[in-house]
PDB file of N, CA and C in Angstrom:
ATOM      1  N   MET A   1     161.942  96.160 158.775  1.00  0.00           N
ATOM      2  CA  MET A   1     162.779  97.168 159.348  1.00  0.00           C
ATOM      3  C   MET A   1     162.071  97.691 160.597  1.00  0.00           C
ATOM      4  N   CYS A   2     162.800  97.820 161.661  1.00  0.00           N
ATOM      5  CA  CYS A   2     162.243  98.331 162.903  1.00  0.00           C
ATOM      6  C   CYS A   2     162.928  99.654 163.226  1.00  0.00           C
ATOM      7  N   ILE A   3     162.118 100.667 163.512  1.00  0.00           N
ATOM      8  CA  ILE A   3     162.672 101.947 163.942  1.00  0.00           C
ATOM      9  C   ILE A   3     161.996 102.341 165.252  1.00  0.00           C
ATOM     10  N   CYS A   4     162.717 103.011 166.098  1.00  0.00           N
ATOM     11  CA  CYS A   4     162.212 103.318 167.434  1.00  0.00           C
ATOM     12  C   CYS A   4     161.775 104.762 167.570  1.00  0.00           C
ATOM     13  N   VAL A   5     160.953 105.215 166.634  1.00  0.00           N
ATOM     14  CA  VAL A   5     160.404 106.564 166.726  1.00  0.00           C
ATOM     15  C   VAL A   5     159.269 106.570 167.740  1.00  0.00           C
ATOM     16  N   ASN A   6     158.953 107.759 168.236  1.00  0.00           N
ATOM     17  CA  ASN A   6     157.890 107.911 169.216  1.00  0.00           C
ATOM     18  C   ASN A   6     157.053 109.123 168.857  1.00  0.00           C
ATOM     19  N   ALA A   7     155.753 108.956 168.796  1.00  0.00           N
ATOM     20  CA  ALA A   7     154.843 110.019 168.380  1.00  0.00           C
ATOM     21  C   ALA A   7     154.905 111.242 169.297  1.00  0.00           C
ATOM     22  N   LEU A   8     155.299 111.066 170.552  1.00  0.00           N
ATOM     23  CA  LEU A   8     155.393 112.200 171.469  1.00  0.00           C
ATOM     24  C   LEU A   8     156.465 113.189 171.055  1.00  0.00           C
ATOM     25  N   ASP A   9     157.393 112.769 170.191  1.00  0.00           N
ATOM     26  CA  ASP A   9     158.471 113.642 169.726  1.00  0.00           C
ATOM     27  C   ASP A   9     158.116 114.414 168.461  1.00  0.00           C
ATOM     28  N   TYR A  10     156.859 114.359 168.026  1.00  0.00           N
ATOM     29  CA  TYR A  10     156.478 114.921 166.726  1.00  0.00           C
ATOM     30  C   TYR A  10     156.749 116.412 166.596  1.00  0.00           C
ATOM     31  N   SER A  11     156.730 117.168 167.691  1.00  0.00           N
ATOM     32  CA  SER A  11     156.925 118.615 167.565  1.00  0.00           C
ATOM     33  C   SER A  11     158.338 118.952 167.111  1.00  0.00           C
ATOM     34  N   GLY A  12     159.312 118.157 167.489  1.00  0.00           N
ATOM     35  CA  GLY A  12     160.688 118.408 167.077  1.00  0.00           C
ATOM     36  C   GLY A  12     161.133 117.550 165.908  1.00  0.00           C
ATOM     37  N   TYR A  13     160.460 116.422 165.750  1.00  0.00           N
ATOM     38  CA  TYR A  13     160.835 115.469 164.709  1.00  0.00           C
ATOM     39  C   TYR A  13     159.572 115.047 163.962  1.00  0.00           C
ATOM     40  N   ARG A  14     159.303 115.698 162.847  1.00  0.00           N
ATOM     41  CA  ARG A  14     158.072 115.429 162.095  1.00  0.00           C
ATOM     42  C   ARG A  14     157.974 113.998 161.593  1.00  0.00           C
ATOM     43  N   ASP A  15     159.104 113.338 161.433  1.00  0.00           N
ATOM     44  CA  ASP A  15     159.091 111.970 160.914  1.00  0.00           C
ATOM     45  C   ASP A  15     158.754 110.936 161.986  1.00  0.00           C
ATOM     46  N   CYS A  16     158.330 111.368 163.156  1.00  0.00           N
ATOM     47  CA  CYS A  16     157.923 110.452 164.225  1.00  0.00           C
ATOM     48  C   CYS A  16     156.408 110.230 164.253  1.00  0.00           C
ATOM     49  N   ARG A  17     155.698 110.908 163.388  1.00  0.00           N
ATOM     50  CA  ARG A  17     154.228 110.800 163.392  1.00  0.00           C
ATOM     51  C   ARG A  17     153.774 109.544 162.654  1.00  0.00           C
ATOM     52  N   PRO A  18     152.719 108.899 163.155  1.00  0.00           N
ATOM     53  CA  PRO A  18     152.190 107.705 162.477  1.00  0.00           C
ATOM     54  C   PRO A  18     151.835 107.948 161.013  1.00  0.00           C
ATOM     55  N   ASP A  19     151.263 109.112 160.683  1.00  0.00           N
ATOM     56  CA  ASP A  19     150.892 109.364 159.289  1.00  0.00           C
ATOM     57  C   ASP A  19     152.126 109.473 158.392  1.00  0.00           C
ATOM     58  N   TYR A  20     153.222 109.968 158.930  1.00  0.00           N
ATOM     59  CA  TYR A  20     154.468 110.018 158.167  1.00  0.00           C
ATOM     60  C   TYR A  20     154.974 108.605 157.892  1.00  0.00           C
ATOM     61  N   ILE A  21     154.967 107.760 158.903  1.00  0.00           N
ATOM     62  CA  ILE A  21     155.423 106.377 158.745  1.00  0.00           C
ATOM     63  C   ILE A  21     154.562 105.663 157.699  1.00  0.00           C
ATOM     64  N   GLN A  22     153.256 105.878 157.748  1.00  0.00           N
ATOM     65  CA  GLN A  22     152.356 105.268 156.760  1.00  0.00           C
ATOM     66  C   GLN A  22     152.687 105.750 155.351  1.00  0.00           C
ATOM     67  N   ALA A  23     152.991 107.032 155.217  1.00  0.00           N
ATOM     68  CA  ALA A  23     153.338 107.578 153.900  1.00  0.00           C
ATOM     69  C   ALA A  23     154.645 106.978 153.379  1.00  0.00           C
ATOM     70  N   ILE A  24     155.631 106.841 154.242  1.00  0.00           N
ATOM     71  CA  ILE A  24     156.896 106.233 153.827  1.00  0.00           C
ATOM     72  C   ILE A  24     156.686 104.769 153.450  1.00  0.00           C
ATOM     73  N   GLN A  25     155.823 104.089 154.194  1.00  0.00           N
ATOM     74  CA  GLN A  25     155.508 102.701 153.858  1.00  0.00           C
ATOM     75  C   GLN A  25     154.933 102.619 152.445  1.00  0.00           C
ATOM     76  N   GLN A  26     154.081 103.553 152.104  1.00  0.00           N
ATOM     77  CA  GLN A  26     153.490 103.612 150.764  1.00  0.00           C
ATOM     78  C   GLN A  26     154.560 103.891 149.700  1.00  0.00           C
ATOM     79  N   VAL A  27     155.485 104.793 150.002  1.00  0.00           N
ATOM     80  CA  VAL A  27     156.590 105.083 149.082  1.00  0.00           C
ATOM     81  C   VAL A  27     157.417 103.822 148.838  1.00  0.00           C
ATOM     82  N   LEU A  28     157.713 103.086 149.899  1.00  0.00           N
ATOM     83  CA  LEU A  28     158.489 101.855 149.752  1.00  0.00           C
ATOM     84  C   LEU A  28     157.737 100.811 148.922  1.00  0.00           C
ATOM     85  N   ARG A  29     156.415 100.789 149.070  1.00  0.00           N
ATOM     86  CA  ARG A  29     155.624  99.838 148.298  1.00  0.00           C
ATOM     87  C   ARG A  29     155.586 100.211 146.820  1.00  0.00           C
ATOM     88  N   LEU A  30     155.420 101.492 146.553  1.00  0.00           N
ATOM     89  CA  LEU A  30     155.269 101.948 145.164  1.00  0.00           C
ATOM     90  C   LEU A  30     156.592 102.267 144.470  1.00  0.00           C
ATOM     91  N   GLY A  31     157.606 102.632 145.238  1.00  0.00           N
ATOM     92  CA  GLY A  31     158.821 103.149 144.627  1.00  0.00           C
ATOM     93  C   GLY A  31     160.022 102.238 144.627  1.00  0.00           C
ATOM     94  N   THR A  32     159.832 100.990 145.048  1.00  0.00           N
ATOM     95  CA  THR A  32     160.961 100.068 145.037  1.00  0.00           C
ATOM     96  C   THR A  32     160.608  98.814 144.248  1.00  0.00           C
ATOM     97  N   ARG A  33     161.628  98.177 143.756  1.00  0.00           N
ATOM     98  CA  ARG A  33     161.412  96.929 143.017  1.00  0.00           C
ATOM     99  C   ARG A  33     160.744  95.882 143.913  1.00  0.00           C
ATOM    100  N   GLN A  34     161.240  95.781 145.136  1.00  0.00           N
ATOM    101  CA  GLN A  34     160.649  94.835 146.084  1.00  0.00           C
ATOM    102  C   GLN A  34     159.159  95.100 146.267  1.00  0.00           C
ATOM    103  N   GLY A  35     158.816  96.361 146.454  1.00  0.00           N
ATOM    104  CA  GLY A  35     157.416  96.724 146.643  1.00  0.00           C
ATOM    105  C   GLY A  35     156.575  96.384 145.436  1.00  0.00           C
ATOM    106  N   ARG A  36     157.087  96.660 144.265  1.00  0.00           N
ATOM    107  CA  ARG A  36     156.366  96.374 143.022  1.00  0.00           C
ATOM    108  C   ARG A  36     156.197  94.883 142.780  1.00  0.00           C
ATOM    109  N   GLU A  37     157.119  94.092 143.326  1.00  0.00           N
ATOM    110  CA  GLU A  37     157.039  92.641 143.149  1.00  0.00           C
ATOM    111  C   GLU A  37     156.288  91.971 144.300  1.00  0.00           C
ATOM    112  N   GLY A  38     155.658  92.779 145.160  1.00  0.00           N
ATOM    113  CA  GLY A  38     154.813  92.238 146.217  1.00  0.00           C
ATOM    114  C   GLY A  38     155.511  91.889 147.517  1.00  0.00           C
ATOM    115  N   GLU A  39     156.761  92.303 147.671  1.00  0.00           N
ATOM    116  CA  GLU A  39     157.492  92.014 148.903  1.00  0.00           C
ATOM    117  C   GLU A  39     158.097  93.297 149.474  1.00  0.00           C
ATOM    118  N   ALA A  40     157.239  94.275 149.694  1.00  0.00           N
ATOM    119  CA  ALA A  40     157.697  95.583 150.158  1.00  0.00           C
ATOM    120  C   ALA A  40     158.352  95.488 151.532  1.00  0.00           C
ATOM    121  N   ILE A  41     159.257  96.401 151.769  1.00  0.00           N
ATOM    122  CA  ILE A  41     159.886  96.521 153.079  1.00  0.00           C
ATOM    123  C   ILE A  41     158.814  96.959 154.061  1.00  0.00           C
ATOM    124  N   SER A  42     158.746  96.300 155.186  1.00  0.00           N
ATOM    125  CA  SER A  42     157.764  96.621 156.212  1.00  0.00           C
ATOM    126  C   SER A  42     158.437  97.410 157.331  1.00  0.00           C
ATOM    127  N   ILE A  43     157.798  98.477 157.757  1.00  0.00           N
ATOM    128  CA  ILE A  43     158.333  99.294 158.838  1.00  0.00           C
ATOM    129  C   ILE A  43     157.562  98.972 160.112  1.00  0.00           C
ATOM    130  N   SER A  44     158.295  98.582 161.136  1.00  0.00           N
ATOM    131  CA  SER A  44     157.712  98.303 162.446  1.00  0.00           C
ATOM    132  C   SER A  44     158.102  99.430 163.394  1.00  0.00           C
ATOM    133  N   THR A  45     157.149  99.940 164.145  1.00  0.00           N
ATOM    134  CA  THR A  45     157.397 101.044 165.073  1.00  0.00           C
ATOM    135  C   THR A  45     156.852 100.682 166.466  1.00  0.00           C
ATOM    136  N   PRO A  46     157.511  99.781 167.165  1.00  0.00           N
ATOM    137  CA  PRO A  46     156.965  99.274 168.426  1.00  0.00           C
ATOM    138  C   PRO A  46     156.840 100.301 169.549  1.00  0.00           C
ATOM    139  N   LEU A  47     157.547 101.413 169.467  1.00  0.00           N
ATOM    140  CA  LEU A  47     157.510 102.409 170.539  1.00  0.00           C
ATOM    141  C   LEU A  47     156.640 103.615 170.218  1.00  0.00           C
ATOM    142  N   ILE A  48     156.042 103.647 169.051  1.00  0.00           N
ATOM    143  CA  ILE A  48     155.411 104.879 168.569  1.00  0.00           C
ATOM    144  C   ILE A  48     154.300 105.407 169.477  1.00  0.00           C
ATOM    145  N   GLU A  49     153.575 104.543 170.149  1.00  0.00           N
ATOM    146  CA  GLU A  49     152.465 104.992 170.996  1.00  0.00           C
ATOM    147  C   GLU A  49     152.771 104.948 172.489  1.00  0.00           C
ATOM    148  N   LEU A  50     153.990 104.581 172.863  1.00  0.00           N
ATOM    149  CA  LEU A  50     154.337 104.496 174.280  1.00  0.00           C
ATOM    150  C   LEU A  50     154.755 105.860 174.819  1.00  0.00           C
ATOM    151  N   ASN A  51     154.512 106.071 176.119  1.00  0.00           N
ATOM    152  CA  ASN A  51     155.022 107.296 176.722  1.00  0.00           C
ATOM    153  C   ASN A  51     156.449 107.028 177.203  1.00  0.00           C
ATOM    154  N   LYS A  52     157.127 108.065 177.634  1.00  0.00           N
ATOM    155  CA  LYS A  52     158.547 107.942 177.990  1.00  0.00           C
ATOM    156  C   LYS A  52     158.770 106.947 179.134  1.00  0.00           C
ATOM    157  N   THR A  53     157.888 106.947 180.120  1.00  0.00           N
ATOM    158  CA  THR A  53     158.020 106.012 181.240  1.00  0.00           C
ATOM    159  C   THR A  53     157.916 104.571 180.755  1.00  0.00           C
ATOM    160  N   GLU A  54     156.970 104.306 179.869  1.00  0.00           N
ATOM    161  CA  GLU A  54     156.801 102.954 179.327  1.00  0.00           C
ATOM    162  C   GLU A  54     158.032 102.521 178.525  1.00  0.00           C
ATOM    163  N   ILE A  55     158.608 103.450 177.779  1.00  0.00           N
ATOM    164  CA  ILE A  55     159.805 103.142 176.995  1.00  0.00           C
ATOM    165  C   ILE A  55     160.976 102.798 177.917  1.00  0.00           C
ATOM    166  N   ILE A  56     161.155 103.569 178.979  1.00  0.00           N
ATOM    167  CA  ILE A  56     162.245 103.311 179.923  1.00  0.00           C
ATOM    168  C   ILE A  56     162.054 101.956 180.603  1.00  0.00           C
ATOM    169  N   LYS A  57     160.823 101.658 181.030  1.00  0.00           N
ATOM    170  CA  LYS A  57     160.558 100.359 181.664  1.00  0.00           C
ATOM    171  C   LYS A  57     160.848  99.213 180.704  1.00  0.00           C
ATOM    172  N   LEU A  58     160.433  99.366 179.460  1.00  0.00           N
ATOM    173  CA  LEU A  58     160.687  98.336 178.458  1.00  0.00           C
ATOM    174  C   LEU A  58     162.189  98.154 178.239  1.00  0.00           C
ATOM    175  N   GLY A  59     162.911  99.263 178.127  1.00  0.00           N
ATOM    176  CA  GLY A  59     164.359  99.205 177.965  1.00  0.00           C
ATOM    177  C   GLY A  59     165.036  98.525 179.142  1.00  0.00           C
ATOM    178  N   ASN A  60     164.579  98.828 180.351  1.00  0.00           N
ATOM    179  CA  ASN A  60     165.134  98.181 181.540  1.00  0.00           C
ATOM    180  C   ASN A  60     164.857  96.680 181.528  1.00  0.00           C
ATOM    181  N   ASN A  61     163.646  96.297 181.135  1.00  0.00           N
ATOM    182  CA  ASN A  61     163.302  94.870 181.044  1.00  0.00           C
ATOM    183  C   ASN A  61     164.182  94.147 180.033  1.00  0.00           C
ATOM    184  N   TRP A  62     164.525  94.832 178.950  1.00  0.00           N
ATOM    185  CA  TRP A  62     165.365  94.250 177.901  1.00  0.00           C
ATOM    186  C   TRP A  62     166.857  94.410 178.198  1.00  0.00           C
ATOM    187  N   ARG A  63     167.165  95.068 179.313  1.00  0.00           N
ATOM    188  CA  ARG A  63     168.555  95.337 179.728  1.00  0.00           C
ATOM    189  C   ARG A  63     169.324  96.143 178.667  1.00  0.00           C
ATOM    190  N   VAL A  64     168.624  97.117 178.114  1.00  0.00           N
ATOM    191  CA  VAL A  64     169.253  98.018 177.138  1.00  0.00           C
ATOM    192  C   VAL A  64     170.224  98.931 177.888  1.00  0.00           C
ATOM    193  N   PRO A  65     171.455  99.054 177.423  1.00  0.00           N
ATOM    194  CA  PRO A  65     172.399  99.965 178.079  1.00  0.00           C
ATOM    195  C   PRO A  65     172.018 101.416 177.754  1.00  0.00           C
ATOM    196  N   SER A  66     171.292 102.051 178.645  1.00  0.00           N
ATOM    197  CA  SER A  66     170.741 103.390 178.372  1.00  0.00           C
ATOM    198  C   SER A  66     171.812 104.423 178.049  1.00  0.00           C
ATOM    199  N   GLU A  67     173.020 104.225 178.548  1.00  0.00           N
ATOM    200  CA  GLU A  67     174.091 105.187 178.253  1.00  0.00           C
ATOM    201  C   GLU A  67     174.496 105.156 176.781  1.00  0.00           C
ATOM    202  N   LYS A  68     174.050 104.147 176.055  1.00  0.00           N
ATOM    203  CA  LYS A  68     174.380 104.042 174.626  1.00  0.00           C
ATOM    204  C   LYS A  68     173.204 104.402 173.729  1.00  0.00           C
ATOM    205  N   THR A  69     172.160 104.940 174.322  1.00  0.00           N
ATOM    206  CA  THR A  69     170.997 105.323 173.502  1.00  0.00           C
ATOM    207  C   THR A  69     170.904 106.814 173.334  1.00  0.00           C
TER     208      THR A  69
END
């Protein structure tokens, strides 16, 4: 699973912090059948450490329609 949270938003959105993502990853490992059977859902956060300028440049490179974000 990929989510596009960003650590710079932590003051308004507590679930954007790396430690929160790690905790949820642990919950998915321990609290789901998949996790218990060794195939836990993996959370990918490719934007978590980028600043806003880097995110915009990446979006432009990927031709993301910014009006829909």
